[in-house]
């Protein structure tokens, strides 16, 4: 047997909390984070394709000059991204 609700209990409460609805949320940080994430994915994918292509070329023709040139350009960019996302946080910044 289910208990019957009295009319007093079946009415809606005068105050229904709705978290987040009363605050204006600024969408700019979320859009900025998505844009940065997309940009990093494009850079990493392009770098991987370039290194893989020149590496395969080097293996086939036994000429590794293009691979070295590609890595000279791609290496610092990938290194900066890895350091940014996986490096240790600074303790002297505040």
PDB file of N, CA and C in Angstrom:
ATOM      1  N   UNK A   1       0.826  -1.182   0.000  1.00  0.00           N
ATOM      2  CA  UNK A   1       0.000   0.000   0.000  1.00  0.00           C
ATOM      3  C   UNK A   1       0.870   1.244   0.000  1.00  0.00           C
ATOM      4  N   UNK A   2       0.542   2.128  -0.902  1.00  0.00           N
ATOM      5  CA  UNK A   2       1.265   3.382  -0.969  1.00  0.00           C
ATOM      6  C   UNK A   2       0.545   4.424  -0.134  1.00  0.00           C
ATOM      7  N   UNK A   3       1.297   5.218   0.583  1.00  0.00           N
ATOM      8  CA  UNK A   3       0.650   6.256   1.378  1.00  0.00           C
ATOM      9  C   UNK A   3       0.095   7.347   0.471  1.00  0.00           C
ATOM     10  N   UNK A   4      -1.056   7.836   0.841  1.00  0.00           N
ATOM     11  CA  UNK A   4      -1.678   8.914   0.067  1.00  0.00           C
ATOM     12  C   UNK A   4      -1.082  10.245   0.493  1.00  0.00           C
ATOM     13  N   UNK A   5      -0.861  11.083  -0.505  1.00  0.00           N
ATOM     14  CA  UNK A   5      -0.332  12.416  -0.209  1.00  0.00           C
ATOM     15  C   UNK A   5      -1.479  13.346   0.139  1.00  0.00           C
ATOM     16  N   UNK A   6      -1.268  14.099   1.167  1.00  0.00           N
ATOM     17  CA  UNK A   6      -2.286  15.076   1.531  1.00  0.00           C
ATOM     18  C   UNK A   6      -2.189  16.261   0.574  1.00  0.00           C
ATOM     19  N   UNK A   7      -3.236  17.048   0.440  1.00  0.00           N
ATOM     20  CA  UNK A   7      -3.190  18.199  -0.461  1.00  0.00           C
ATOM     21  C   UNK A   7      -2.061  19.163  -0.106  1.00  0.00           C
ATOM     22  N   UNK A   8      -1.698  19.272   1.156  1.00  0.00           N
ATOM     23  CA  UNK A   8      -0.628  20.188   1.551  1.00  0.00           C
ATOM     24  C   UNK A   8       0.720  19.705   1.011  1.00  0.00           C
ATOM     25  N   UNK A   9       0.932  18.381   0.950  1.00  0.00           N
ATOM     26  CA  UNK A   9       2.204  17.841   0.473  1.00  0.00           C
ATOM     27  C   UNK A   9       2.283  17.795  -1.052  1.00  0.00           C
ATOM     28  N   UNK A  10       1.158  17.792  -1.724  1.00  0.00           N
ATOM     29  CA  UNK A  10       1.168  17.665  -3.172  1.00  0.00           C
ATOM     30  C   UNK A  10       1.387  18.998  -3.878  1.00  0.00           C
ATOM     31  N   UNK A  11       1.241  20.102  -3.172  1.00  0.00           N
ATOM     32  CA  UNK A  11       1.466  21.415  -3.779  1.00  0.00           C
ATOM     33  C   UNK A  11       2.965  21.633  -4.001  1.00  0.00           C
ATOM     34  N   UNK A  12       3.258  22.469  -4.981  1.00  0.00           N
ATOM     35  CA  UNK A  12       4.657  22.811  -5.209  1.00  0.00           C
ATOM     36  C   UNK A  12       5.130  23.749  -4.123  1.00  0.00           C
ATOM     37  N   UNK A  13       6.384  23.617  -3.811  1.00  0.00           N
ATOM     38  CA  UNK A  13       6.972  24.498  -2.815  1.00  0.00           C
ATOM     39  C   UNK A  13       7.090  25.896  -3.409  1.00  0.00           C
ATOM     40  N   UNK A  14       7.005  26.925  -2.570  1.00  0.00           N
ATOM     41  CA  UNK A  14       7.090  28.276  -3.113  1.00  0.00           C
ATOM     42  C   UNK A  14       8.477  28.596  -3.687  1.00  0.00           C
ATOM     43  N   UNK A  15       9.495  27.926  -3.211  1.00  0.00           N
ATOM     44  CA  UNK A  15      10.842  28.180  -3.717  1.00  0.00           C
ATOM     45  C   UNK A  15      11.427  26.880  -4.239  1.00  0.00           C
ATOM     46  N   UNK A  16      11.679  26.836  -5.532  1.00  0.00           N
ATOM     47  CA  UNK A  16      12.312  25.676  -6.148  1.00  0.00           C
ATOM     48  C   UNK A  16      13.721  26.083  -6.583  1.00  0.00           C
ATOM     49  N   UNK A  17      14.740  25.559  -5.930  1.00  0.00           N
ATOM     50  CA  UNK A  17      16.092  25.958  -6.323  1.00  0.00           C
ATOM     51  C   UNK A  17      16.439  25.454  -7.725  1.00  0.00           C
ATOM     52  N   UNK A  18      17.065  26.295  -8.485  1.00  0.00           N
ATOM     53  CA  UNK A  18      17.516  25.943  -9.830  1.00  0.00           C
ATOM     54  C   UNK A  18      18.950  26.438  -9.971  1.00  0.00           C
ATOM     55  N   UNK A  19      19.922  25.638  -9.580  1.00  0.00           N
ATOM     56  CA  UNK A  19      21.314  26.092  -9.601  1.00  0.00           C
ATOM     57  C   UNK A  19      21.744  26.506 -10.997  1.00  0.00           C
ATOM     58  N   UNK A  20      22.395  27.642 -11.083  1.00  0.00           N
ATOM     59  CA  UNK A  20      22.947  28.112 -12.336  1.00  0.00           C
ATOM     60  C   UNK A  20      21.999  28.929 -13.184  1.00  0.00           C
ATOM     61  N   UNK A  21      20.735  28.911 -12.912  1.00  0.00           N
ATOM     62  CA  UNK A  21      19.791  29.639 -13.750  1.00  0.00           C
ATOM     63  C   UNK A  21      19.740  31.122 -13.399  1.00  0.00           C
ATOM     64  N   UNK A  22      20.076  31.476 -12.167  1.00  0.00           N
ATOM     65  CA  UNK A  22      19.974  32.866 -11.749  1.00  0.00           C
ATOM     66  C   UNK A  22      21.261  33.641 -11.989  1.00  0.00           C
ATOM     67  N   UNK A  23      22.306  32.958 -12.437  1.00  0.00           N
ATOM     68  CA  UNK A  23      23.583  33.607 -12.656  1.00  0.00           C
ATOM     69  C   UNK A  23      23.835  33.729 -14.151  1.00  0.00           C
ATOM     70  N   UNK A  24      24.361  34.873 -14.535  1.00  0.00           N
ATOM     71  CA  UNK A  24      24.730  35.044 -15.930  1.00  0.00           C
ATOM     72  C   UNK A  24      26.080  34.367 -16.135  1.00  0.00           C
ATOM     73  N   UNK A  25      26.123  33.388 -17.005  1.00  0.00           N
ATOM     74  CA  UNK A  25      27.348  32.649 -17.258  1.00  0.00           C
ATOM     75  C   UNK A  25      27.995  33.214 -18.515  1.00  0.00           C
ATOM     76  N   UNK A  26      29.264  33.572 -18.385  1.00  0.00           N
ATOM     77  CA  UNK A  26      30.001  34.129 -19.509  1.00  0.00           C
ATOM     78  C   UNK A  26      30.497  32.983 -20.395  1.00  0.00           C
ATOM     79  N   UNK A  27      30.032  32.889 -21.645  1.00  0.00           N
ATOM     80  CA  UNK A  27      30.440  31.778 -22.504  1.00  0.00           C
ATOM     81  C   UNK A  27      31.818  31.955 -23.126  1.00  0.00           C
ATOM     82  N   UNK A  28      32.448  33.108 -22.955  1.00  0.00           N
ATOM     83  CA  UNK A  28      33.725  33.372 -23.626  1.00  0.00           C
ATOM     84  C   UNK A  28      34.828  32.402 -23.188  1.00  0.00           C
ATOM     85  N   UNK A  29      35.034  32.132 -21.877  1.00  0.00           N
ATOM     86  CA  UNK A  29      36.103  31.192 -21.510  1.00  0.00           C
ATOM     87  C   UNK A  29      35.892  29.787 -22.091  1.00  0.00           C
ATOM     88  N   UNK A  30      34.658  29.343 -22.151  1.00  0.00           N
ATOM     89  CA  UNK A  30      34.397  28.012 -22.701  1.00  0.00           C
ATOM     90  C   UNK A  30      34.689  27.976 -24.197  1.00  0.00           C
ATOM     91  N   UNK A  31      34.306  29.010 -24.909  1.00  0.00           N
ATOM     92  CA  UNK A  31      34.574  29.071 -26.349  1.00  0.00           C
ATOM     93  C   UNK A  31      36.072  29.186 -26.595  1.00  0.00           C
ATOM     94  N   UNK A  32      36.740  29.975 -25.769  1.00  0.00           N
ATOM     95  CA  UNK A  32      38.185  30.139 -25.914  1.00  0.00           C
ATOM     96  C   UNK A  32      38.916  28.817 -25.674  1.00  0.00           C
ATOM     97  N   UNK A  33      38.491  28.056 -24.675  1.00  0.00           N
ATOM     98  CA  UNK A  33      39.117  26.767 -24.394  1.00  0.00           C
ATOM     99  C   UNK A  33      38.892  25.786 -25.542  1.00  0.00           C
ATOM    100  N   UNK A  34      37.694  25.784 -26.107  1.00  0.00           N
ATOM    101  CA  UNK A  34      37.416  24.886 -27.232  1.00  0.00           C
ATOM    102  C   UNK A  34      38.252  25.270 -28.446  1.00  0.00           C
ATOM    103  N   UNK A  35      38.411  26.562 -28.682  1.00  0.00           N
ATOM    104  CA  UNK A  35      39.208  27.022 -29.817  1.00  0.00           C
ATOM    105  C   UNK A  35      40.674  26.640 -29.644  1.00  0.00           C
ATOM    106  N   UNK A  36      41.208  26.834 -28.445  1.00  0.00           N
ATOM    107  CA  UNK A  36      42.594  26.447 -28.182  1.00  0.00           C
ATOM    108  C   UNK A  36      42.784  24.946 -28.333  1.00  0.00           C
ATOM    109  N   UNK A  37      41.838  24.170 -27.835  1.00  0.00           N
ATOM    110  CA  UNK A  37      41.924  22.717 -27.968  1.00  0.00           C
ATOM    111  C   UNK A  37      41.912  22.273 -29.420  1.00  0.00           C
ATOM    112  N   UNK A  38      41.052  22.892 -30.219  1.00  0.00           N
ATOM    113  CA  UNK A  38      41.000  22.566 -31.644  1.00  0.00           C
ATOM    114  C   UNK A  38      42.309  22.929 -32.330  1.00  0.00           C
ATOM    115  N   UNK A  39      42.849  24.102 -32.007  1.00  0.00           N
ATOM    116  CA  UNK A  39      44.093  24.556 -32.611  1.00  0.00           C
ATOM    117  C   UNK A  39      45.247  23.619 -32.268  1.00  0.00           C
ATOM    118  N   UNK A  40      45.319  23.174 -31.023  1.00  0.00           N
ATOM    119  CA  UNK A  40      46.382  22.255 -30.608  1.00  0.00           C
ATOM    120  C   UNK A  40      46.241  20.915 -31.327  1.00  0.00           C
ATOM    121  N   UNK A  41      45.015  20.416 -31.449  1.00  0.00           N
ATOM    122  CA  UNK A  41      44.807  19.143 -32.160  1.00  0.00           C
ATOM    123  C   UNK A  41      45.235  19.252 -33.624  1.00  0.00           C
ATOM    124  N   UNK A  42      44.906  20.356 -34.258  1.00  0.00           N
ATOM    125  CA  UNK A  42      45.296  20.546 -35.664  1.00  0.00           C
ATOM    126  C   UNK A  42      46.819  20.604 -35.790  1.00  0.00           C
ATOM    127  N   UNK A  43      47.488  21.341 -34.902  1.00  0.00           N
ATOM    128  CA  UNK A  43      48.943  21.427 -34.960  1.00  0.00           C
ATOM    129  C   UNK A  43      49.610  20.077 -34.734  1.00  0.00           C
ATOM    130  N   UNK A  44      49.151  19.339 -33.734  1.00  0.00           N
ATOM    131  CA  UNK A  44      49.750  18.037 -33.437  1.00  0.00           C
ATOM    132  C   UNK A  44      49.502  17.062 -34.577  1.00  0.00           C
ATOM    133  N   UNK A  45      48.307  17.046 -35.117  1.00  0.00           N
ATOM    134  CA  UNK A  45      48.004  16.142 -36.228  1.00  0.00           C
ATOM    135  C   UNK A  45      48.850  16.481 -37.451  1.00  0.00           C
ATOM    136  N   UNK A  46      48.962  17.751 -37.770  1.00  0.00           N
ATOM    137  CA  UNK A  46      49.777  18.172 -38.905  1.00  0.00           C
ATOM    138  C   UNK A  46      51.243  17.807 -38.686  1.00  0.00           C
ATOM    139  N   UNK A  47      51.731  18.011 -37.463  1.00  0.00           N
ATOM    140  CA  UNK A  47      53.119  17.672 -37.159  1.00  0.00           C
ATOM    141  C   UNK A  47      53.358  16.170 -37.295  1.00  0.00           C
ATOM    142  N   UNK A  48      52.444  15.368 -36.782  1.00  0.00           N
ATOM    143  CA  UNK A  48      52.605  13.918 -36.881  1.00  0.00           C
ATOM    144  C   UNK A  48      52.579  13.442 -38.331  1.00  0.00           C
ATOM    145  N   UNK A  49      51.683  13.996 -39.113  1.00  0.00           N
ATOM    146  CA  UNK A  49      51.611  13.610 -40.530  1.00  0.00           C
ATOM    147  C   UNK A  49      52.892  14.018 -41.254  1.00  0.00           C
ATOM    148  N   UNK A  50      53.397  15.213 -40.983  1.00  0.00           N
ATOM    149  CA  UNK A  50      54.620  15.677 -41.659  1.00  0.00           C
ATOM    150  C   UNK A  50      55.823  14.814 -41.282  1.00  0.00           C
ATOM    151  N   UNK A  51      55.980  14.518 -39.995  1.00  0.00           N
ATOM    152  CA  UNK A  51      57.113  13.702 -39.561  1.00  0.00           C
ATOM    153  C   UNK A  51      56.981  12.277 -40.098  1.00  0.00           C
ATOM    154  N   UNK A  52      55.790  11.728 -40.059  1.00  0.00           N
ATOM    155  CA  UNK A  52      55.597  10.366 -40.574  1.00  0.00           C
ATOM    156  C   UNK A  52      55.863  10.300 -42.081  1.00  0.00           C
ATOM    157  N   UNK A  53      55.390  11.285 -42.814  1.00  0.00           N
ATOM    158  CA  UNK A  53      55.593  11.289 -44.264  1.00  0.00           C
ATOM    159  C   UNK A  53      57.076  11.398 -44.615  1.00  0.00           C
ATOM    160  N   UNK A  54      57.770  12.333 -43.983  1.00  0.00           N
ATOM    161  CA  UNK A  54      59.196  12.475 -44.292  1.00  0.00           C
ATOM    162  C   UNK A  54      60.007  11.303 -43.752  1.00  0.00           C
ATOM    163  N   UNK A  55      59.550  10.687 -42.660  1.00  0.00           N
ATOM    164  CA  UNK A  55      60.229   9.496 -42.151  1.00  0.00           C
ATOM    165  C   UNK A  55      60.103   8.319 -43.096  1.00  0.00           C
ATOM    166  N   UNK A  56      58.918   8.130 -43.640  1.00  0.00           N
ATOM    167  CA  UNK A  56      58.716   7.047 -44.618  1.00  0.00           C
ATOM    168  C   UNK A  56      59.534   7.327 -45.884  1.00  0.00           C
ATOM    169  N   UNK A  57      59.552   8.584 -46.312  1.00  0.00           N
ATOM    170  CA  UNK A  57      60.375   8.964 -47.461  1.00  0.00           C
ATOM    171  C   UNK A  57      61.846   8.636 -47.195  1.00  0.00           C
ATOM    172  N   UNK A  58      62.308   8.949 -45.991  1.00  0.00           N
ATOM    173  CA  UNK A  58      63.697   8.664 -45.625  1.00  0.00           C
ATOM    174  C   UNK A  58      63.997   7.182 -45.619  1.00  0.00           C
ATOM    175  N   UNK A  59      63.063   6.380 -45.142  1.00  0.00           N
ATOM    176  CA  UNK A  59      63.280   4.929 -45.135  1.00  0.00           C
ATOM    177  C   UNK A  59      63.303   4.344 -46.546  1.00  0.00           C
ATOM    178  N   UNK A  60      62.458   4.858 -47.400  1.00  0.00           N
ATOM    179  CA  UNK A  60      62.384   4.323 -48.767  1.00  0.00           C
ATOM    180  C   UNK A  60      63.614   4.725 -49.581  1.00  0.00           C
ATOM    181  N   UNK A  61      63.994   6.001 -49.548  1.00  0.00           N
ATOM    182  CA  UNK A  61      65.065   6.512 -50.408  1.00  0.00           C
ATOM    183  C   UNK A  61      66.407   6.664 -49.684  1.00  0.00           C
ATOM    184  N   UNK A  62      66.448   6.339 -48.406  1.00  0.00           N
ATOM    185  CA  UNK A  62      67.659   6.430 -47.592  1.00  0.00           C
ATOM    186  C   UNK A  62      68.231   7.855 -47.599  1.00  0.00           C
ATOM    187  N   UNK A  63      67.333   8.843 -47.585  1.00  0.00           N
ATOM    188  CA  UNK A  63      67.707  10.255 -47.504  1.00  0.00           C
ATOM    189  C   UNK A  63      66.914  10.865 -46.348  1.00  0.00           C
ATOM    190  N   UNK A  64      67.640  11.266 -45.314  1.00  0.00           N
ATOM    191  CA  UNK A  64      66.968  11.738 -44.111  1.00  0.00           C
ATOM    192  C   UNK A  64      67.064  13.247 -43.910  1.00  0.00           C
ATOM    193  N   UNK A  65      67.509  13.963 -44.921  1.00  0.00           N
ATOM    194  CA  UNK A  65      67.568  15.428 -44.862  1.00  0.00           C
ATOM    195  C   UNK A  65      66.192  16.054 -44.676  1.00  0.00           C
ATOM    196  N   UNK A  66      65.181  15.619 -45.459  1.00  0.00           N
ATOM    197  CA  UNK A  66      63.843  16.198 -45.247  1.00  0.00           C
ATOM    198  C   UNK A  66      63.281  15.922 -43.852  1.00  0.00           C
ATOM    199  N   UNK A  67      63.581  14.751 -43.292  1.00  0.00           N
ATOM    200  CA  UNK A  67      63.110  14.441 -41.937  1.00  0.00           C
ATOM    201  C   UNK A  67      63.767  15.375 -40.928  1.00  0.00           C
ATOM    202  N   UNK A  68      65.061  15.627 -41.094  1.00  0.00           N
ATOM    203  CA  UNK A  68      65.747  16.541 -40.187  1.00  0.00           C
ATOM    204  C   UNK A  68      65.176  17.953 -40.298  1.00  0.00           C
ATOM    205  N   UNK A  69      64.941  18.384 -41.524  1.00  0.00           N
ATOM    206  CA  UNK A  69      64.383  19.728 -41.722  1.00  0.00           C
ATOM    207  C   UNK A  69      62.987  19.849 -41.124  1.00  0.00           C
ATOM    208  N   UNK A  70      62.187  18.801 -41.305  1.00  0.00           N
ATOM    209  CA  UNK A  70      60.832  18.810 -40.742  1.00  0.00           C
ATOM    210  C   UNK A  70      60.893  18.842 -39.223  1.00  0.00           C
ATOM    211  N   UNK A  71      61.777  18.041 -38.649  1.00  0.00           N
ATOM    212  CA  UNK A  71      61.858  17.985 -37.187  1.00  0.00           C
ATOM    213  C   UNK A  71      62.391  19.292 -36.609  1.00  0.00           C
ATOM    214  N   UNK A  72      63.245  20.013 -37.358  1.00  0.00           N
ATOM    215  CA  UNK A  72      63.741  21.310 -36.895  1.00  0.00           C
ATOM    216  C   UNK A  72      62.589  22.292 -36.744  1.00  0.00           C
ATOM    217  N   UNK A  73      61.604  22.212 -37.621  1.00  0.00           N
ATOM    218  CA  UNK A  73      60.453  23.112 -37.559  1.00  0.00           C
ATOM    219  C   UNK A  73      59.426  22.621 -36.545  1.00  0.00           C
ATOM    220  N   UNK A  74      59.131  21.322 -36.569  1.00  0.00           N
ATOM    221  CA  UNK A  74      58.045  20.752 -35.760  1.00  0.00           C
ATOM    222  C   UNK A  74      58.457  20.549 -34.301  1.00  0.00           C
ATOM    223  N   UNK A  75      59.710  20.218 -34.059  1.00  0.00           N
ATOM    224  CA  UNK A  75      60.179  19.891 -32.710  1.00  0.00           C
ATOM    225  C   UNK A  75      59.907  20.960 -31.663  1.00  0.00           C
ATOM    226  N   UNK A  76      60.300  22.216 -31.899  1.00  0.00           N
ATOM    227  CA  UNK A  76      60.032  23.246 -30.890  1.00  0.00           C
ATOM    228  C   UNK A  76      58.540  23.493 -30.647  1.00  0.00           C
ATOM    229  N   UNK A  77      57.747  23.385 -31.698  1.00  0.00           N
ATOM    230  CA  UNK A  77      56.302  23.613 -31.539  1.00  0.00           C
ATOM    231  C   UNK A  77      55.692  22.516 -30.662  1.00  0.00           C
ATOM    232  N   UNK A  78      56.010  21.269 -30.970  1.00  0.00           N
ATOM    233  CA  UNK A  78      55.490  20.153 -30.170  1.00  0.00           C
ATOM    234  C   UNK A  78      56.055  20.218 -28.756  1.00  0.00           C
ATOM    235  N   UNK A  79      57.331  20.562 -28.624  1.00  0.00           N
ATOM    236  CA  UNK A  79      57.942  20.685 -27.295  1.00  0.00           C
ATOM    237  C   UNK A  79      57.271  21.742 -26.441  1.00  0.00           C
ATOM    238  N   UNK A  80      56.922  22.874 -27.049  1.00  0.00           N
ATOM    239  CA  UNK A  80      56.242  23.940 -26.302  1.00  0.00           C
ATOM    240  C   UNK A  80      54.860  23.491 -25.846  1.00  0.00           C
ATOM    241  N   UNK A  81      54.140  22.770 -26.712  1.00  0.00           N
ATOM    242  CA  UNK A  81      52.808  22.298 -26.324  1.00  0.00           C
ATOM    243  C   UNK A  81      52.893  21.244 -25.224  1.00  0.00           C
ATOM    244  N   UNK A  82      53.853  20.339 -25.327  1.00  0.00           N
ATOM    245  CA  UNK A  82      54.022  19.310 -24.284  1.00  0.00           C
ATOM    246  C   UNK A  82      54.399  19.969 -22.966  1.00  0.00           C
ATOM    247  N   UNK A  83      55.293  20.934 -23.007  1.00  0.00           N
ATOM    248  CA  UNK A  83      55.685  21.641 -21.789  1.00  0.00           C
ATOM    249  C   UNK A  83      54.516  22.400 -21.187  1.00  0.00           C
ATOM    250  N   UNK A  84      53.674  22.991 -22.026  1.00  0.00           N
ATOM    251  CA  UNK A  84      52.525  23.747 -21.519  1.00  0.00           C
ATOM    252  C   UNK A  84      51.512  22.836 -20.834  1.00  0.00           C
ATOM    253  N   UNK A  85      51.204  21.713 -21.460  1.00  0.00           N
ATOM    254  CA  UNK A  85      50.157  20.848 -20.915  1.00  0.00           C
ATOM    255  C   UNK A  85      50.659  19.846 -19.882  1.00  0.00           C
ATOM    256  N   UNK A  86      51.913  19.427 -19.973  1.00  0.00           N
ATOM    257  CA  UNK A  86      52.408  18.390 -19.067  1.00  0.00           C
ATOM    258  C   UNK A  86      53.570  18.823 -18.199  1.00  0.00           C
ATOM    259  N   UNK A  87      54.029  20.061 -18.329  1.00  0.00           N
ATOM    260  CA  UNK A  87      55.146  20.538 -17.535  1.00  0.00           C
ATOM    261  C   UNK A  87      54.738  20.799 -16.094  1.00  0.00           C
ATOM    262  N   UNK A  88      55.736  20.930 -15.234  1.00  0.00           N
ATOM    263  CA  UNK A  88      55.428  21.181 -13.830  1.00  0.00           C
ATOM    264  C   UNK A  88      54.977  22.636 -13.661  1.00  0.00           C
ATOM    265  N   UNK A  89      54.010  22.862 -12.781  1.00  0.00           N
ATOM    266  CA  UNK A  89      53.539  24.246 -12.574  1.00  0.00           C
ATOM    267  C   UNK A  89      54.603  25.068 -11.836  1.00  0.00           C
ATOM    268  N   UNK A  90      54.652  26.330 -12.160  1.00  0.00           N
ATOM    269  CA  UNK A  90      55.616  27.218 -11.507  1.00  0.00           C
ATOM    270  C   UNK A  90      55.160  27.535 -10.089  1.00  0.00           C
ATOM    271  N   UNK A  91      56.113  27.614  -9.194  1.00  0.00           N
ATOM    272  CA  UNK A  91      55.787  27.925  -7.799  1.00  0.00           C
ATOM    273  C   UNK A  91      56.140  29.358  -7.434  1.00  0.00           C
ATOM    274  N   UNK A  92      56.803  30.071  -8.338  1.00  0.00           N
ATOM    275  CA  UNK A  92      57.220  31.430  -8.030  1.00  0.00           C
ATOM    276  C   UNK A  92      56.299  32.485  -8.636  1.00  0.00           C
ATOM    277  N   UNK A  93      55.181  32.060  -9.187  1.00  0.00           N
ATOM    278  CA  UNK A  93      54.308  33.007  -9.874  1.00  0.00           C
ATOM    279  C   UNK A  93      53.235  33.627  -8.960  1.00  0.00           C
ATOM    280  N   UNK A  94      53.266  33.311  -7.705  1.00  0.00           N
ATOM    281  CA  UNK A  94      52.302  33.990  -6.855  1.00  0.00           C
ATOM    282  C   UNK A  94      51.669  33.169  -5.903  1.00  0.00           C
TER     283      UNK A  94
END
